[in-house]
Amino acid sequence: MCCGLAILAFLGPRAAIIFWWLFRPLYFSTNFSTILWPILGIIFVPWLTLMYLIVAPGGINGLDWLWLGLGLFLDISSYSGSFYGNKNKLHG
């Protein structure tokens, strides 16, 4: 199990969500009402979707909002970091 978690951490949040979805599909159907939200989450905000899957079963209250904010921060920072790294390539 430890090696599996290390591999998922290495591959990133999208791979972790897809593997989680393959092995526990009922978990996704209880946390999301349609299939649209997890797919959009995997594409655009994978860290936020992963954090939501971790905190949602008990209901979102208290410090759970901090974890969701951390997931959103990680998504925004990954997008801004890739933009900053490619800014010289945009101008030719």
Protein backbone atom coordinates (compact mmCIF):
# COMPACT_ATOMS: atom_id res chain seq x y z
CA MET A 1 0.00 0.00 0.00
CA CYS A 2 2.84 2.39 0.81
CA CYS A 3 4.42 1.90 -2.62
CA GLY A 4 1.04 2.51 -4.26
CA LEU A 5 0.66 5.81 -2.43
CA ALA A 6 4.18 6.85 -3.39
CA ILE A 7 3.48 6.10 -7.04
CA LEU A 8 0.24 8.11 -6.93
CA ALA A 9 2.02 11.02 -5.26
CA PHE A 10 4.68 10.90 -7.96
CA LEU A 11 2.18 10.79 -10.83
CA GLY A 12 0.14 13.69 -9.49
CA PRO A 13 -3.43 14.40 -8.49
CA ARG A 14 -5.01 13.48 -11.83
CA ALA A 15 -3.63 9.95 -11.70
CA ALA A 16 -4.64 9.63 -8.05
CA ILE A 17 -8.22 10.67 -8.83
CA ILE A 18 -8.47 8.33 -11.83
CA PHE A 19 -7.12 5.37 -9.86
CA TRP A 20 -9.45 6.20 -6.97
CA TRP A 21 -12.34 6.38 -9.44
CA LEU A 22 -11.44 2.98 -10.93
CA PHE A 23 -11.12 1.19 -7.60
CA ARG A 24 -13.94 2.88 -5.64
CA PRO A 25 -16.61 4.11 -8.09
CA LEU A 26 -19.31 4.08 -5.42
CA TYR A 27 -17.33 6.67 -3.45
CA PHE A 28 -17.59 9.07 -6.39
CA SER A 29 -21.31 8.49 -6.86
CA THR A 30 -21.96 9.36 -3.21
CA ASN A 31 -19.88 12.57 -3.32
CA PHE A 32 -20.94 13.86 -6.74
CA SER A 33 -24.48 13.94 -8.11
CA THR A 34 -23.43 13.82 -11.78
CA ILE A 35 -20.39 12.63 -13.68
CA LEU A 36 -19.81 16.13 -15.07
CA TRP A 37 -18.28 17.64 -11.89
CA PRO A 38 -15.54 15.04 -11.35
CA ILE A 39 -14.54 15.17 -15.02
CA LEU A 40 -14.33 18.97 -14.99
CA GLY A 41 -12.45 18.75 -11.70
CA ILE A 42 -9.89 16.34 -13.14
CA ILE A 43 -9.33 18.61 -16.14
CA PHE A 44 -9.25 22.07 -14.55
CA VAL A 45 -8.77 21.84 -10.75
CA PRO A 46 -7.31 18.43 -9.86
CA TRP A 47 -5.90 19.38 -6.44
CA LEU A 48 -9.20 20.93 -5.35
CA THR A 49 -11.10 17.85 -6.54
CA LEU A 50 -8.73 15.56 -4.66
CA MET A 51 -9.09 17.62 -1.47
CA TYR A 52 -12.88 17.63 -1.88
CA LEU A 53 -12.89 13.84 -2.14
CA ILE A 54 -10.87 13.60 1.05
CA VAL A 55 -13.01 15.97 3.18
CA ALA A 56 -16.50 15.59 1.67
CA PRO A 57 -17.71 12.31 3.23
CA GLY A 58 -18.07 13.79 6.71
CA GLY A 59 -19.53 17.05 5.46
CA ILE A 60 -17.60 20.25 4.91
CA ASN A 61 -17.24 22.26 8.10
CA GLY A 62 -14.57 23.89 10.21
CA LEU A 63 -11.02 23.28 9.01
CA ASP A 64 -12.22 21.44 5.93
CA TRP A 65 -12.49 24.84 4.24
CA LEU A 66 -8.78 25.31 4.89
CA TRP A 67 -8.00 22.07 3.03
CA LEU A 68 -10.20 23.11 0.12
CA GLY A 69 -8.47 26.50 0.05
CA LEU A 70 -5.11 24.73 0.02
CA GLY A 71 -6.24 22.63 -2.95
CA LEU A 72 -7.36 25.74 -4.82
CA PHE A 73 -4.07 27.46 -3.98
CA LEU A 74 -2.12 24.47 -5.35
CA ASP A 75 -4.12 24.57 -8.58
CA ILE A 76 -3.65 28.30 -9.04
CA SER A 77 0.06 28.08 -8.23
CA SER A 78 0.60 25.22 -10.68
CA TYR A 79 -1.08 27.19 -13.47
CA SER A 80 0.76 30.41 -12.65
CA GLY A 81 4.08 28.57 -12.30
CA SER A 82 3.73 27.03 -15.73
CA PHE A 83 2.79 30.43 -17.19
CA TYR A 84 5.80 32.07 -15.53
CA GLY A 85 8.13 29.35 -16.79
CA ASN A 86 6.88 29.73 -20.37
CA LYS A 87 6.64 33.51 -20.54
CA ASN A 88 9.83 33.85 -22.63
CA LYS A 89 8.52 31.34 -25.17
CA LEU A 90 5.37 33.37 -25.79
CA HIS A 91 7.21 36.36 -27.26
CA GLY A 92 9.16 34.26 -29.74
